[in-house]
Amino acid sequence: MSFHQVKTHFSSGLSFTAEIDQYSVPMDTTEEGGQQAGPSPKKLMLASLAGCTGIDVVSILHKMKVAFSEFSIEVEAGLTEDHPKIYQDVMVTYRIHVEEADQSKVEKAVSLSQEKYCGVNAMFRSFSKVSSRIVYC
């Protein structure tokens, strides 16, 4: 079994810094008392989802020998009204430029990421409804 560890320390105001491997990631809030010293922890969750599925999709497309450009992932999520406010509806939008003949391969790569490989997506599905769409540009 793999084991991950992150150390987080208080910076000032309401901000913290997470030490992840050799990287420092600041976190803060826009709420009163926050200094906007970094993204919010919840928004970092959305970035983790985009990064996880993006890595999967690129890896799969490379294995399929699919050339692509202009690849980006946008994640939007609605929060519940009551505390603790958690994400309940998540939309993942993949924007990618590929030849029309390769669009079915992109759809397969996205499906494999969402249904089999992306652990962050699996975690999100345990507490929210995750939907996706692909926009070809």
C-alpha atoms as a PDB file:
ATOM      1  CA  MET A   1       0.000   0.000   0.000  1.00  0.00           C
ATOM      2  CA  SER A   2       1.304   3.461  -0.911  1.00  0.00           C
ATOM      3  CA  PHE A   3       1.353   6.169   1.696  1.00  0.00           C
ATOM      4  CA  HIS A   4       1.275   9.926   1.090  1.00  0.00           C
ATOM      5  CA  GLN A   5       2.275  12.577   3.609  1.00  0.00           C
ATOM      6  CA  VAL A   6       1.874  16.348   3.518  1.00  0.00           C
ATOM      7  CA  LYS A   7       3.106  18.703   6.217  1.00  0.00           C
ATOM      8  CA  THR A   8       1.279  21.984   6.658  1.00  0.00           C
ATOM      9  CA  HIS A   9       2.295  24.875   8.855  1.00  0.00           C
ATOM     10  CA  PHE A  10       0.671  28.127   9.918  1.00  0.00           C
ATOM     11  CA  SER A  11       2.021  31.199   8.143  1.00  0.00           C
ATOM     12  CA  SER A  12       0.032  34.213   9.370  1.00  0.00           C
ATOM     13  CA  GLY A  13      -3.517  35.541   9.508  1.00  0.00           C
ATOM     14  CA  LEU A  14      -5.488  32.527   8.240  1.00  0.00           C
ATOM     15  CA  SER A  15      -2.891  31.293   5.762  1.00  0.00           C
ATOM     16  CA  PHE A  16      -0.991  28.008   5.802  1.00  0.00           C
ATOM     17  CA  THR A  17       1.743  26.525   3.657  1.00  0.00           C
ATOM     18  CA  ALA A  18       1.683  22.871   2.679  1.00  0.00           C
ATOM     19  CA  GLU A  19       4.986  21.126   2.078  1.00  0.00           C
ATOM     20  CA  ILE A  20       4.402  18.498  -0.593  1.00  0.00           C
ATOM     21  CA  ASP A  21       7.573  16.660  -1.538  1.00  0.00           C
ATOM     22  CA  GLN A  22       9.963  19.477  -2.477  1.00  0.00           C
ATOM     23  CA  TYR A  23       7.166  21.966  -3.215  1.00  0.00           C
ATOM     24  CA  SER A  24       5.610  24.668  -1.049  1.00  0.00           C
ATOM     25  CA  VAL A  25       1.940  25.388  -1.677  1.00  0.00           C
ATOM     26  CA  PRO A  26       0.384  28.416   0.031  1.00  0.00           C
ATOM     27  CA  MET A  27      -3.268  28.299   1.076  1.00  0.00           C
ATOM     28  CA  ASP A  28      -5.491  31.082   2.337  1.00  0.00           C
ATOM     29  CA  THR A  29      -9.029  32.367   2.220  1.00  0.00           C
ATOM     30  CA  THR A  30     -10.831  35.382   0.855  1.00  0.00           C
ATOM     31  CA  GLU A  31     -13.001  35.376   3.980  1.00  0.00           C
ATOM     32  CA  GLU A  32     -12.497  38.054   6.619  1.00  0.00           C
ATOM     33  CA  GLY A  33      -9.079  37.632   8.185  1.00  0.00           C
ATOM     34  CA  GLY A  34      -7.585  36.097   5.065  1.00  0.00           C
ATOM     35  CA  GLN A  35      -4.710  37.759   3.256  1.00  0.00           C
ATOM     36  CA  GLN A  36      -5.267  36.128  -0.133  1.00  0.00           C
ATOM     37  CA  ALA A  37      -1.774  34.642   0.140  1.00  0.00           C
ATOM     38  CA  GLY A  38      -2.790  31.609  -1.918  1.00  0.00           C
ATOM     39  CA  PRO A  39      -5.737  29.638  -3.259  1.00  0.00           C
ATOM     40  CA  SER A  40      -8.333  28.193  -0.918  1.00  0.00           C
ATOM     41  CA  PRO A  41      -8.015  24.544   0.129  1.00  0.00           C
ATOM     42  CA  LYS A  42     -11.329  23.727  -1.588  1.00  0.00           C
ATOM     43  CA  LYS A  43     -10.214  25.239  -4.891  1.00  0.00           C
ATOM     44  CA  LEU A  44      -6.987  23.249  -4.632  1.00  0.00           C
ATOM     45  CA  MET A  45      -9.188  20.148  -4.590  1.00  0.00           C
ATOM     46  CA  LEU A  46     -10.598  21.211  -7.970  1.00  0.00           C
ATOM     47  CA  ALA A  47      -7.066  21.783  -9.275  1.00  0.00           C
ATOM     48  CA  SER A  48      -6.124  18.292  -8.064  1.00  0.00           C
ATOM     49  CA  LEU A  49      -9.050  16.821  -9.975  1.00  0.00           C
ATOM     50  CA  ALA A  50      -8.053  18.662 -13.158  1.00  0.00           C
ATOM     51  CA  GLY A  51      -4.412  17.671 -12.773  1.00  0.00           C
ATOM     52  CA  CYS A  52      -5.174  14.030 -12.076  1.00  0.00           C
ATOM     53  CA  THR A  53      -7.485  13.518 -15.030  1.00  0.00           C
ATOM     54  CA  GLY A  54      -5.270  15.657 -17.284  1.00  0.00           C
ATOM     55  CA  ILE A  55      -2.212  13.517 -16.562  1.00  0.00           C
ATOM     56  CA  ASP A  56      -4.258  10.405 -17.317  1.00  0.00           C
ATOM     57  CA  VAL A  57      -5.665  11.747 -20.585  1.00  0.00           C
ATOM     58  CA  VAL A  58      -2.285  12.956 -21.876  1.00  0.00           C
ATOM     59  CA  SER A  59      -0.647   9.649 -20.951  1.00  0.00           C
ATOM     60  CA  ILE A  60      -3.359   7.650 -22.710  1.00  0.00           C
ATOM     61  CA  LEU A  61      -3.302   9.880 -25.809  1.00  0.00           C
ATOM     62  CA  HIS A  62       0.472   9.502 -26.047  1.00  0.00           C
ATOM     63  CA  LYS A  63       0.096   5.709 -25.893  1.00  0.00           C
ATOM     64  CA  MET A  64      -2.551   5.948 -28.632  1.00  0.00           C
ATOM     65  CA  LYS A  65      -0.173   8.157 -30.639  1.00  0.00           C
ATOM     66  CA  VAL A  66      -2.775  10.928 -30.855  1.00  0.00           C
ATOM     67  CA  ALA A  67      -1.408  14.390 -31.625  1.00  0.00           C
ATOM     68  CA  PHE A  68      -3.199  17.209 -29.815  1.00  0.00           C
ATOM     69  CA  SER A  69      -2.798  20.868 -28.959  1.00  0.00           C
ATOM     70  CA  GLU A  70      -4.517  23.547 -26.908  1.00  0.00           C
ATOM     71  CA  PHE A  71      -5.471  21.082 -24.163  1.00  0.00           C
ATOM     72  CA  SER A  72      -7.009  22.592 -21.036  1.00  0.00           C
ATOM     73  CA  ILE A  73      -9.345  21.414 -18.303  1.00  0.00           C
ATOM     74  CA  GLU A  74     -11.848  23.606 -16.498  1.00  0.00           C
ATOM     75  CA  VAL A  75     -13.549  22.406 -13.326  1.00  0.00           C
ATOM     76  CA  GLU A  76     -16.626  24.137 -11.924  1.00  0.00           C
ATOM     77  CA  ALA A  77     -18.350  23.005  -8.751  1.00  0.00           C
ATOM     78  CA  GLY A  78     -21.361  24.063  -6.710  1.00  0.00           C
ATOM     79  CA  LEU A  79     -21.204  24.061  -2.934  1.00  0.00           C
ATOM     80  CA  THR A  80     -23.947  22.922  -0.582  1.00  0.00           C
ATOM     81  CA  GLU A  81     -25.742  25.677   1.356  1.00  0.00           C
ATOM     82  CA  ASP A  82     -25.187  24.216   4.825  1.00  0.00           C
ATOM     83  CA  HIS A  83     -21.991  23.679   6.781  1.00  0.00           C
ATOM     84  CA  PRO A  84     -19.793  21.897   6.201  1.00  0.00           C
ATOM     85  CA  LYS A  85     -20.042  23.303   2.685  1.00  0.00           C
ATOM     86  CA  ILE A  86     -18.929  20.582   0.296  1.00  0.00           C
ATOM     87  CA  TYR A  87     -18.953  20.244  -3.469  1.00  0.00           C
ATOM     88  CA  GLN A  88     -22.168  18.610  -4.643  1.00  0.00           C
ATOM     89  CA  ASP A  89     -22.171  19.125  -8.432  1.00  0.00           C
ATOM     90  CA  VAL A  90     -18.912  19.111 -10.381  1.00  0.00           C
ATOM     91  CA  MET A  91     -18.517  19.746 -14.115  1.00  0.00           C
ATOM     92  CA  VAL A  92     -15.208  18.885 -15.780  1.00  0.00           C
ATOM     93  CA  THR A  93     -14.775  20.464 -19.214  1.00  0.00           C
ATOM     94  CA  TYR A  94     -11.977  19.196 -21.431  1.00  0.00           C
ATOM     95  CA  ARG A  95     -10.996  21.601 -24.232  1.00  0.00           C
ATOM     96  CA  ILE A  96      -8.719  20.063 -26.819  1.00  0.00           C
ATOM     97  CA  HIS A  97      -7.701  20.423 -30.425  1.00  0.00           C
ATOM     98  CA  VAL A  98      -7.334  17.139 -32.314  1.00  0.00           C
ATOM     99  CA  GLU A  99      -8.017  15.905 -35.804  1.00  0.00           C
ATOM    100  CA  GLU A 100     -11.658  14.912 -36.228  1.00  0.00           C
ATOM    101  CA  ALA A 101     -10.583  11.309 -36.853  1.00  0.00           C
ATOM    102  CA  ASP A 102      -9.050  11.196 -33.341  1.00  0.00           C
ATOM    103  CA  GLN A 103     -12.055  12.533 -31.418  1.00  0.00           C
ATOM    104  CA  SER A 104     -13.271   9.044 -30.518  1.00  0.00           C
ATOM    105  CA  LYS A 105      -9.842   8.313 -29.018  1.00  0.00           C
ATOM    106  CA  VAL A 106     -10.078  11.452 -26.878  1.00  0.00           C
ATOM    107  CA  GLU A 107     -13.490  10.293 -25.670  1.00  0.00           C
ATOM    108  CA  LYS A 108     -12.025   6.895 -24.787  1.00  0.00           C
ATOM    109  CA  ALA A 109      -9.099   8.499 -22.937  1.00  0.00           C
ATOM    110  CA  VAL A 110     -11.440  10.740 -20.926  1.00  0.00           C
ATOM    111  CA  SER A 111     -13.698   7.801 -20.116  1.00  0.00           C
ATOM    112  CA  LEU A 112     -10.764   5.646 -18.973  1.00  0.00           C
ATOM    113  CA  SER A 113      -9.491   8.448 -16.766  1.00  0.00           C
ATOM    114  CA  GLN A 114     -12.873   9.059 -15.161  1.00  0.00           C
ATOM    115  CA  GLU A 115     -13.939   5.465 -14.722  1.00  0.00           C
ATOM    116  CA  LYS A 116     -10.681   3.637 -14.066  1.00  0.00           C
ATOM    117  CA  TYR A 117      -7.510   5.632 -13.445  1.00  0.00           C
ATOM    118  CA  CYS A 118      -8.106   9.006 -11.767  1.00  0.00           C
ATOM    119  CA  GLY A 119      -8.168   8.422  -8.017  1.00  0.00           C
ATOM    120  CA  VAL A 120      -9.114  12.041  -7.339  1.00  0.00           C
ATOM    121  CA  ASN A 121     -12.181  11.637  -9.560  1.00  0.00           C
ATOM    122  CA  ALA A 122     -13.119   8.455  -7.674  1.00  0.00           C
ATOM    123  CA  MET A 123     -12.844  10.336  -4.376  1.00  0.00           C
ATOM    124  CA  PHE A 124     -15.003  13.192  -5.691  1.00  0.00           C
ATOM    125  CA  ARG A 125     -17.665  10.713  -6.846  1.00  0.00           C
ATOM    126  CA  SER A 126     -17.965   9.463  -3.263  1.00  0.00           C
ATOM    127  CA  PHE A 127     -19.452  12.795  -2.146  1.00  0.00           C
ATOM    128  CA  SER A 128     -20.591  14.624  -5.291  1.00  0.00           C
ATOM    129  CA  LYS A 129     -22.074  14.211  -8.744  1.00  0.00           C
ATOM    130  CA  VAL A 130     -19.304  14.516 -11.327  1.00  0.00           C
ATOM    131  CA  SER A 131     -20.187  15.248 -14.959  1.00  0.00           C
ATOM    132  CA  SER A 132     -17.964  15.968 -17.916  1.00  0.00           C
ATOM    133  CA  ARG A 133     -17.946  17.236 -21.449  1.00  0.00           C
ATOM    134  CA  ILE A 134     -15.407  17.548 -24.219  1.00  0.00           C
ATOM    135  CA  VAL A 135     -15.174  20.686 -26.332  1.00  0.00           C
ATOM    136  CA  TYR A 136     -13.208  20.318 -29.556  1.00  0.00           C
ATOM    137  CA  CYS A 137     -11.578  23.560 -30.640  1.00  0.00           C
END
